Amino acid sequence: MIRTQIYLTEQERDDLRALAAESGKKQSELIREAIDSLIGKLSTKQRKAVISRVAGMWKDRKDLPDFRSIRSEWDRDSLS
């Protein structure tokens, strides 16, 4: 792990101290969990934004094969 410093308001420090006492976890552990949670949320938000931007980008293409008919050839039902 890498040591780093952060500045907290007195209220944040007091609340963090109380949460640590209630949960039985160290303050540093709670801070790491909060950071991991934030990173996870932002990553999800970024993925959703990318998906939203590219959704339907091929909908008007006429030069692509009919994927439904190709996919139906792979169905187990069509093999019997």
PDB file of N, CA and C in Angstrom:
ATOM      1  N   MET A   1       0.838  -1.183   0.000  1.00  0.00           N
ATOM      2  CA  MET A   1       0.000   0.000   0.000  1.00  0.00           C
ATOM      3  C   MET A   1       0.881   1.245   0.000  1.00  0.00           C
ATOM      4  N   ILE A   2       0.307   2.308  -0.481  1.00  0.00           N
ATOM      5  CA  ILE A   2       1.003   3.585  -0.546  1.00  0.00           C
ATOM      6  C   ILE A   2       0.376   4.521   0.475  1.00  0.00           C
ATOM      7  N   ARG A   3       1.208   5.168   1.227  1.00  0.00           N
ATOM      8  CA  ARG A   3       0.720   6.110   2.229  1.00  0.00           C
ATOM      9  C   ARG A   3       0.392   7.441   1.550  1.00  0.00           C
ATOM     10  N   THR A   4      -0.717   8.023   1.945  1.00  0.00           N
ATOM     11  CA  THR A   4      -1.107   9.334   1.426  1.00  0.00           C
ATOM     12  C   THR A   4      -1.800  10.110   2.535  1.00  0.00           C
ATOM     13  N   GLN A   5      -1.869  11.398   2.368  1.00  0.00           N
ATOM     14  CA  GLN A   5      -2.538  12.247   3.347  1.00  0.00           C
ATOM     15  C   GLN A   5      -3.754  12.896   2.703  1.00  0.00           C
ATOM     16  N   ILE A   6      -4.779  13.090   3.526  1.00  0.00           N
ATOM     17  CA  ILE A   6      -5.956  13.820   3.064  1.00  0.00           C
ATOM     18  C   ILE A   6      -6.344  14.823   4.142  1.00  0.00           C
ATOM     19  N   TYR A   7      -7.027  15.854   3.727  1.00  0.00           N
ATOM     20  CA  TYR A   7      -7.538  16.841   4.666  1.00  0.00           C
ATOM     21  C   TYR A   7      -9.037  16.622   4.810  1.00  0.00           C
ATOM     22  N   LEU A   8      -9.488  16.538   6.053  1.00  0.00           N
ATOM     23  CA  LEU A   8     -10.902  16.384   6.356  1.00  0.00           C
ATOM     24  C   LEU A   8     -11.368  17.580   7.168  1.00  0.00           C
ATOM     25  N   THR A   9     -12.638  17.893   7.011  1.00  0.00           N
ATOM     26  CA  THR A   9     -13.215  18.888   7.908  1.00  0.00           C
ATOM     27  C   THR A   9     -13.358  18.234   9.280  1.00  0.00           C
ATOM     28  N   GLU A  10     -13.580  19.028  10.295  1.00  0.00           N
ATOM     29  CA  GLU A  10     -13.780  18.461  11.626  1.00  0.00           C
ATOM     30  C   GLU A  10     -14.996  17.546  11.639  1.00  0.00           C
ATOM     31  N   GLN A  11     -16.048  17.954  10.944  1.00  0.00           N
ATOM     32  CA  GLN A  11     -17.259  17.132  10.886  1.00  0.00           C
ATOM     33  C   GLN A  11     -16.985  15.794  10.219  1.00  0.00           C
ATOM     34  N   GLU A  12     -16.252  15.818   9.112  1.00  0.00           N
ATOM     35  CA  GLU A  12     -15.909  14.577   8.428  1.00  0.00           C
ATOM     36  C   GLU A  12     -15.082  13.673   9.333  1.00  0.00           C
ATOM     37  N   ARG A  13     -14.113  14.255  10.012  1.00  0.00           N
ATOM     38  CA  ARG A  13     -13.262  13.484  10.927  1.00  0.00           C
ATOM     39  C   ARG A  13     -14.102  12.855  12.033  1.00  0.00           C
ATOM     40  N   ASP A  14     -15.002  13.639  12.619  1.00  0.00           N
ATOM     41  CA  ASP A  14     -15.844  13.131  13.699  1.00  0.00           C
ATOM     42  C   ASP A  14     -16.765  12.022  13.210  1.00  0.00           C
ATOM     43  N   ASP A  15     -17.371  12.236  12.048  1.00  0.00           N
ATOM     44  CA  ASP A  15     -18.272  11.227  11.483  1.00  0.00           C
ATOM     45  C   ASP A  15     -17.512   9.946  11.134  1.00  0.00           C
ATOM     46  N   LEU A  16     -16.335  10.095  10.569  1.00  0.00           N
ATOM     47  CA  LEU A  16     -15.515   8.944  10.216  1.00  0.00           C
ATOM     48  C   LEU A  16     -15.102   8.178  11.469  1.00  0.00           C
ATOM     49  N   ARG A  17     -14.723   8.894  12.478  1.00  0.00           N
ATOM     50  CA  ARG A  17     -14.346   8.270  13.750  1.00  0.00           C
ATOM     51  C   ARG A  17     -15.530   7.483  14.325  1.00  0.00           C
ATOM     52  N   ALA A  18     -16.725   8.075  14.269  1.00  0.00           N
ATOM     53  CA  ALA A  18     -17.922   7.402  14.785  1.00  0.00           C
ATOM     54  C   ALA A  18     -18.247   6.150  13.963  1.00  0.00           C
ATOM     55  N   LEU A  19     -18.142   6.268  12.634  1.00  0.00           N
ATOM     56  CA  LEU A  19     -18.396   5.104  11.779  1.00  0.00           C
ATOM     57  C   LEU A  19     -17.402   3.978  12.064  1.00  0.00           C
ATOM     58  N   ALA A  20     -16.162   4.347  12.279  1.00  0.00           N
ATOM     59  CA  ALA A  20     -15.135   3.354  12.576  1.00  0.00           C
ATOM     60  C   ALA A  20     -15.457   2.644  13.893  1.00  0.00           C
ATOM     61  N   ALA A  21     -15.859   3.401  14.889  1.00  0.00           N
ATOM     62  CA  ALA A  21     -16.199   2.806  16.184  1.00  0.00           C
ATOM     63  C   ALA A  21     -17.405   1.880  16.061  1.00  0.00           C
ATOM     64  N   GLU A  22     -18.410   2.308  15.310  1.00  0.00           N
ATOM     65  CA  GLU A  22     -19.622   1.494  15.131  1.00  0.00           C
ATOM     66  C   GLU A  22     -19.344   0.206  14.371  1.00  0.00           C
ATOM     67  N   SER A  23     -18.513   0.310  13.353  1.00  0.00           N
ATOM     68  CA  SER A  23     -18.279  -0.838  12.479  1.00  0.00           C
ATOM     69  C   SER A  23     -17.139  -1.732  12.952  1.00  0.00           C
ATOM     70  N   GLY A  24     -16.307  -1.213  13.839  1.00  0.00           N
ATOM     71  CA  GLY A  24     -15.147  -1.984  14.278  1.00  0.00           C
ATOM     72  C   GLY A  24     -14.025  -2.006  13.258  1.00  0.00           C
ATOM     73  N   LYS A  25     -14.119  -1.114  12.278  1.00  0.00           N
ATOM     74  CA  LYS A  25     -13.082  -1.025  11.243  1.00  0.00           C
ATOM     75  C   LYS A  25     -12.201   0.183  11.509  1.00  0.00           C
ATOM     76  N   LYS A  26     -11.018   0.158  10.938  1.00  0.00           N
ATOM     77  CA  LYS A  26     -10.132   1.317  11.041  1.00  0.00           C
ATOM     78  C   LYS A  26     -10.617   2.411  10.096  1.00  0.00           C
ATOM     79  N   GLN A  27     -10.303   3.643  10.449  1.00  0.00           N
ATOM     80  CA  GLN A  27     -10.691   4.771   9.601  1.00  0.00           C
ATOM     81  C   GLN A  27     -10.091   4.623   8.205  1.00  0.00           C
ATOM     82  N   SER A  28      -8.850   4.185   8.135  1.00  0.00           N
ATOM     83  CA  SER A  28      -8.199   4.030   6.829  1.00  0.00           C
ATOM     84  C   SER A  28      -8.921   2.990   5.974  1.00  0.00           C
ATOM     85  N   GLU A  29      -9.437   1.944   6.610  1.00  0.00           N
ATOM     86  CA  GLU A  29     -10.176   0.923   5.870  1.00  0.00           C
ATOM     87  C   GLU A  29     -11.478   1.493   5.306  1.00  0.00           C
ATOM     88  N   LEU A  30     -12.169   2.291   6.109  1.00  0.00           N
ATOM     89  CA  LEU A  30     -13.400   2.929   5.627  1.00  0.00           C
ATOM     90  C   LEU A  30     -13.118   3.888   4.479  1.00  0.00           C
ATOM     91  N   ILE A  31     -12.025   4.610   4.567  1.00  0.00           N
ATOM     92  CA  ILE A  31     -11.654   5.541   3.490  1.00  0.00           C
ATOM     93  C   ILE A  31     -11.362   4.762   2.209  1.00  0.00           C
ATOM     94  N   ARG A  32     -10.611   3.650   2.317  1.00  0.00           N
ATOM     95  CA  ARG A  32     -10.316   2.841   1.128  1.00  0.00           C
ATOM     96  C   ARG A  32     -11.591   2.263   0.530  1.00  0.00           C
ATOM     97  N   GLU A  33     -12.514   1.801   1.378  1.00  0.00           N
ATOM     98  CA  GLU A  33     -13.792   1.274   0.880  1.00  0.00           C
ATOM     99  C   GLU A  33     -14.582   2.354   0.146  1.00  0.00           C
ATOM    100  N   ALA A  34     -14.580   3.569   0.686  1.00  0.00           N
ATOM    101  CA  ALA A  34     -15.301   4.669   0.047  1.00  0.00           C
ATOM    102  C   ALA A  34     -14.680   4.998  -1.313  1.00  0.00           C
ATOM    103  N   ILE A  35     -13.368   4.986  -1.382  1.00  0.00           N
ATOM    104  CA  ILE A  35     -12.679   5.268  -2.649  1.00  0.00           C
ATOM    105  C   ILE A  35     -12.990   4.175  -3.668  1.00  0.00           C
ATOM    106  N   ASP A  36     -12.932   2.916  -3.239  1.00  0.00           N
ATOM    107  CA  ASP A  36     -13.255   1.803  -4.145  1.00  0.00           C
ATOM    108  C   ASP A  36     -14.681   1.920  -4.663  1.00  0.00           C
ATOM    109  N   SER A  37     -15.596   2.284  -3.785  1.00  0.00           N
ATOM    110  CA  SER A  37     -16.992   2.445  -4.185  1.00  0.00           C
ATOM    111  C   SER A  37     -17.140   3.558  -5.218  1.00  0.00           C
ATOM    112  N   LEU A  38     -16.484   4.680  -4.986  1.00  0.00           N
ATOM    113  CA  LEU A  38     -16.548   5.802  -5.925  1.00  0.00           C
ATOM    114  C   LEU A  38     -15.975   5.421  -7.277  1.00  0.00           C
ATOM    115  N   ILE A  39     -14.845   4.754  -7.272  1.00  0.00           N
ATOM    116  CA  ILE A  39     -14.222   4.336  -8.527  1.00  0.00           C
ATOM    117  C   ILE A  39     -15.140   3.382  -9.282  1.00  0.00           C
ATOM    118  N   GLY A  40     -15.759   2.450  -8.557  1.00  0.00           N
ATOM    119  CA  GLY A  40     -16.685   1.507  -9.191  1.00  0.00           C
ATOM    120  C   GLY A  40     -17.877   2.209  -9.808  1.00  0.00           C
ATOM    121  N   LYS A  41     -18.436   3.184  -9.099  1.00  0.00           N
ATOM    122  CA  LYS A  41     -19.588   3.921  -9.620  1.00  0.00           C
ATOM    123  C   LYS A  41     -19.212   4.726 -10.848  1.00  0.00           C
ATOM    124  N   LEU A  42     -18.064   5.379 -10.807  1.00  0.00           N
ATOM    125  CA  LEU A  42     -17.636   6.183 -11.952  1.00  0.00           C
ATOM    126  C   LEU A  42     -17.342   5.302 -13.152  1.00  0.00           C
ATOM    127  N   SER A  43     -16.730   4.144 -12.911  1.00  0.00           N
ATOM    128  CA  SER A  43     -16.428   3.234 -14.009  1.00  0.00           C
ATOM    129  C   SER A  43     -17.717   2.758 -14.665  1.00  0.00           C
ATOM    130  N   THR A  44     -18.712   2.422 -13.843  1.00  0.00           N
ATOM    131  CA  THR A  44     -20.004   1.987 -14.375  1.00  0.00           C
ATOM    132  C   THR A  44     -20.653   3.103 -15.166  1.00  0.00           C
ATOM    133  N   LYS A  45     -20.599   4.309 -14.644  1.00  0.00           N
ATOM    134  CA  LYS A  45     -21.188   5.459 -15.333  1.00  0.00           C
ATOM    135  C   LYS A  45     -20.508   5.686 -16.673  1.00  0.00           C
ATOM    136  N   GLN A  46     -19.187   5.562 -16.707  1.00  0.00           N
ATOM    137  CA  GLN A  46     -18.452   5.753 -17.952  1.00  0.00           C
ATOM    138  C   GLN A  46     -18.811   4.673 -18.967  1.00  0.00           C
ATOM    139  N   ARG A  47     -18.929   3.414 -18.510  1.00  0.00           N
ATOM    140  CA  ARG A  47     -19.300   2.326 -19.428  1.00  0.00           C
ATOM    141  C   ARG A  47     -20.686   2.563 -20.005  1.00  0.00           C
ATOM    142  N   LYS A  48     -21.617   2.977 -19.148  1.00  0.00           N
ATOM    143  CA  LYS A  48     -22.978   3.238 -19.620  1.00  0.00           C
ATOM    144  C   LYS A  48     -22.998   4.388 -20.624  1.00  0.00           C
ATOM    145  N   ALA A  49     -22.165   5.401 -20.405  1.00  0.00           N
ATOM    146  CA  ALA A  49     -22.103   6.535 -21.332  1.00  0.00           C
ATOM    147  C   ALA A  49     -21.589   6.085 -22.697  1.00  0.00           C
ATOM    148  N   VAL A  50     -20.585   5.230 -22.701  1.00  0.00           N
ATOM    149  CA  VAL A  50     -20.035   4.733 -23.964  1.00  0.00           C
ATOM    150  C   VAL A  50     -21.077   3.886 -24.688  1.00  0.00           C
ATOM    151  N   ILE A  51     -21.741   3.008 -23.964  1.00  0.00           N
ATOM    152  CA  ILE A  51     -22.771   2.162 -24.567  1.00  0.00           C
ATOM    153  C   ILE A  51     -23.893   3.019 -25.140  1.00  0.00           C
ATOM    154  N   SER A  52     -24.270   4.041 -24.415  1.00  0.00           N
ATOM    155  CA  SER A  52     -25.326   4.936 -24.879  1.00  0.00           C
ATOM    156  C   SER A  52     -24.925   5.641 -26.175  1.00  0.00           C
ATOM    157  N   ARG A  53     -23.667   6.041 -26.269  1.00  0.00           N
ATOM    158  CA  ARG A  53     -23.200   6.743 -27.472  1.00  0.00           C
ATOM    159  C   ARG A  53     -23.163   5.823 -28.695  1.00  0.00           C
ATOM    160  N   VAL A  54     -22.850   4.541 -28.494  1.00  0.00           N
ATOM    161  CA  VAL A  54     -22.697   3.649 -29.646  1.00  0.00           C
ATOM    162  C   VAL A  54     -23.953   2.840 -29.946  1.00  0.00           C
ATOM    163  N   ALA A  55     -24.930   2.882 -29.056  1.00  0.00           N
ATOM    164  CA  ALA A  55     -26.156   2.101 -29.266  1.00  0.00           C
ATOM    165  C   ALA A  55     -26.820   2.499 -30.582  1.00  0.00           C
ATOM    166  N   GLY A  56     -27.093   1.507 -31.389  1.00  0.00           N
ATOM    167  CA  GLY A  56     -27.795   1.742 -32.652  1.00  0.00           C
ATOM    168  C   GLY A  56     -26.933   2.298 -33.759  1.00  0.00           C
ATOM    169  N   MET A  57     -25.639   2.312 -33.594  1.00  0.00           N
ATOM    170  CA  MET A  57     -24.779   2.940 -34.608  1.00  0.00           C
ATOM    171  C   MET A  57     -24.810   2.201 -35.942  1.00  0.00           C
ATOM    172  N   TRP A  58     -25.231   0.942 -35.946  1.00  0.00           N
ATOM    173  CA  TRP A  58     -25.293   0.198 -37.199  1.00  0.00           C
ATOM    174  C   TRP A  58     -26.718   0.019 -37.693  1.00  0.00           C
ATOM    175  N   LYS A  59     -27.695   0.646 -37.065  1.00  0.00           N
ATOM    176  CA  LYS A  59     -29.092   0.372 -37.379  1.00  0.00           C
ATOM    177  C   LYS A  59     -29.468   0.701 -38.822  1.00  0.00           C
ATOM    178  N   ASP A  60     -28.841   1.663 -39.447  1.00  0.00           N
ATOM    179  CA  ASP A  60     -29.197   2.059 -40.810  1.00  0.00           C
ATOM    180  C   ASP A  60     -28.273   1.470 -41.871  1.00  0.00           C
ATOM    181  N   ARG A  61     -27.385   0.571 -41.454  1.00  0.00           N
ATOM    182  CA  ARG A  61     -26.459  -0.025 -42.413  1.00  0.00           C
ATOM    183  C   ARG A  61     -27.193  -1.049 -43.271  1.00  0.00           C
ATOM    184  N   LYS A  62     -26.985  -0.978 -44.570  1.00  0.00           N
ATOM    185  CA  LYS A  62     -27.634  -1.911 -45.505  1.00  0.00           C
ATOM    186  C   LYS A  62     -26.661  -2.979 -45.998  1.00  0.00           C
ATOM    187  N   ASP A  63     -25.373  -2.821 -45.694  1.00  0.00           N
ATOM    188  CA  ASP A  63     -24.361  -3.730 -46.212  1.00  0.00           C
ATOM    189  C   ASP A  63     -24.040  -4.876 -45.254  1.00  0.00           C
ATOM    190  N   LEU A  64     -24.813  -5.032 -44.175  1.00  0.00           N
ATOM    191  CA  LEU A  64     -24.563  -6.088 -43.202  1.00  0.00           C
ATOM    192  C   LEU A  64     -25.502  -7.262 -43.440  1.00  0.00           C
ATOM    193  N   PRO A  65     -25.043  -8.489 -43.129  1.00  0.00           N
ATOM    194  CA  PRO A  65     -25.922  -9.647 -43.302  1.00  0.00           C
ATOM    195  C   PRO A  65     -27.074  -9.616 -42.291  1.00  0.00           C
ATOM    196  N   ASP A  66     -28.060 -10.428 -42.529  1.00  0.00           N
ATOM    197  CA  ASP A  66     -29.199 -10.562 -41.615  1.00  0.00           C
ATOM    198  C   ASP A  66     -28.762 -11.453 -40.450  1.00  0.00           C
ATOM    199  N   PHE A  67     -28.408 -10.827 -39.363  1.00  0.00           N
ATOM    200  CA  PHE A  67     -27.868 -11.563 -38.224  1.00  0.00           C
ATOM    201  C   PHE A  67     -28.908 -12.466 -37.567  1.00  0.00           C
ATOM    202  N   ARG A  68     -30.175 -12.117 -37.652  1.00  0.00           N
ATOM    203  CA  ARG A  68     -31.215 -12.983 -37.064  1.00  0.00           C
ATOM    204  C   ARG A  68     -31.257 -14.327 -37.784  1.00  0.00           C
ATOM    205  N   SER A  69     -31.186 -14.291 -39.111  1.00  0.00           N
ATOM    206  CA  SER A  69     -31.233 -15.563 -39.848  1.00  0.00           C
ATOM    207  C   SER A  69     -29.947 -16.364 -39.611  1.00  0.00           C
ATOM    208  N   ILE A  70     -28.836 -15.691 -39.533  1.00  0.00           N
ATOM    209  CA  ILE A  70     -27.576 -16.386 -39.239  1.00  0.00           C
ATOM    210  C   ILE A  70     -27.639 -17.005 -37.857  1.00  0.00           C
ATOM    211  N   ARG A  71     -28.142 -16.245 -36.900  1.00  0.00           N
ATOM    212  CA  ARG A  71     -28.233 -16.730 -35.520  1.00  0.00           C
ATOM    213  C   ARG A  71     -29.197 -17.903 -35.416  1.00  0.00           C
ATOM    214  N   SER A  72     -30.279 -17.873 -36.166  1.00  0.00           N
ATOM    215  CA  SER A  72     -31.265 -18.968 -36.098  1.00  0.00           C
ATOM    216  C   SER A  72     -30.646 -20.265 -36.593  1.00  0.00           C
ATOM    217  N   GLU A  73     -29.666 -20.176 -37.461  1.00  0.00           N
ATOM    218  CA  GLU A  73     -28.967 -21.384 -37.939  1.00  0.00           C
ATOM    219  C   GLU A  73     -28.189 -22.055 -36.805  1.00  0.00           C
ATOM    220  N   TRP A  74     -27.838 -21.281 -35.786  1.00  0.00           N
ATOM    221  CA  TRP A  74     -27.063 -21.819 -34.668  1.00  0.00           C
ATOM    222  C   TRP A  74     -27.942 -22.395 -33.571  1.00  0.00           C
ATOM    223  N   ASP A  75     -29.221 -22.083 -33.597  1.00  0.00           N
ATOM    224  CA  ASP A  75     -30.123 -22.567 -32.547  1.00  0.00           C
ATOM    225  C   ASP A  75     -30.178 -24.096 -32.550  1.00  0.00           C
ATOM    226  N   ARG A  76     -30.249 -24.667 -31.385  1.00  0.00           N
ATOM    227  CA  ARG A  76     -30.310 -26.129 -31.250  1.00  0.00           C
ATOM    228  C   ARG A  76     -31.584 -26.678 -31.885  1.00  0.00           C
ATOM    229  N   ASP A  77     -32.670 -25.909 -31.783  1.00  0.00           N
ATOM    230  CA  ASP A  77     -33.939 -26.371 -32.345  1.00  0.00           C
ATOM    231  C   ASP A  77     -33.838 -26.589 -33.852  1.00  0.00           C
ATOM    232  N   SER A  78     -33.055 -25.764 -34.511  1.00  0.00           N
ATOM    233  CA  SER A  78     -32.969 -25.876 -35.964  1.00  0.00           C
ATOM    234  C   SER A  78     -32.092 -27.051 -36.385  1.00  0.00           C
ATOM    235  N   LEU A  79     -31.340 -27.621 -35.435  1.00  0.00           N
ATOM    236  CA  LEU A  79     -30.461 -28.757 -35.763  1.00  0.00           C
ATOM    237  C   LEU A  79     -31.223 -30.068 -35.766  1.00  0.00           C
ATOM    238  N   SER A  80     -32.388 -30.123 -35.149  1.00  0.00           N
ATOM    239  CA  SER A  80     -33.106 -31.398 -35.069  1.00  0.00           C
ATOM    240  C   SER A  80     -33.952 -31.663 -36.278  1.00  0.00           C
TER     241      SER A  80
END
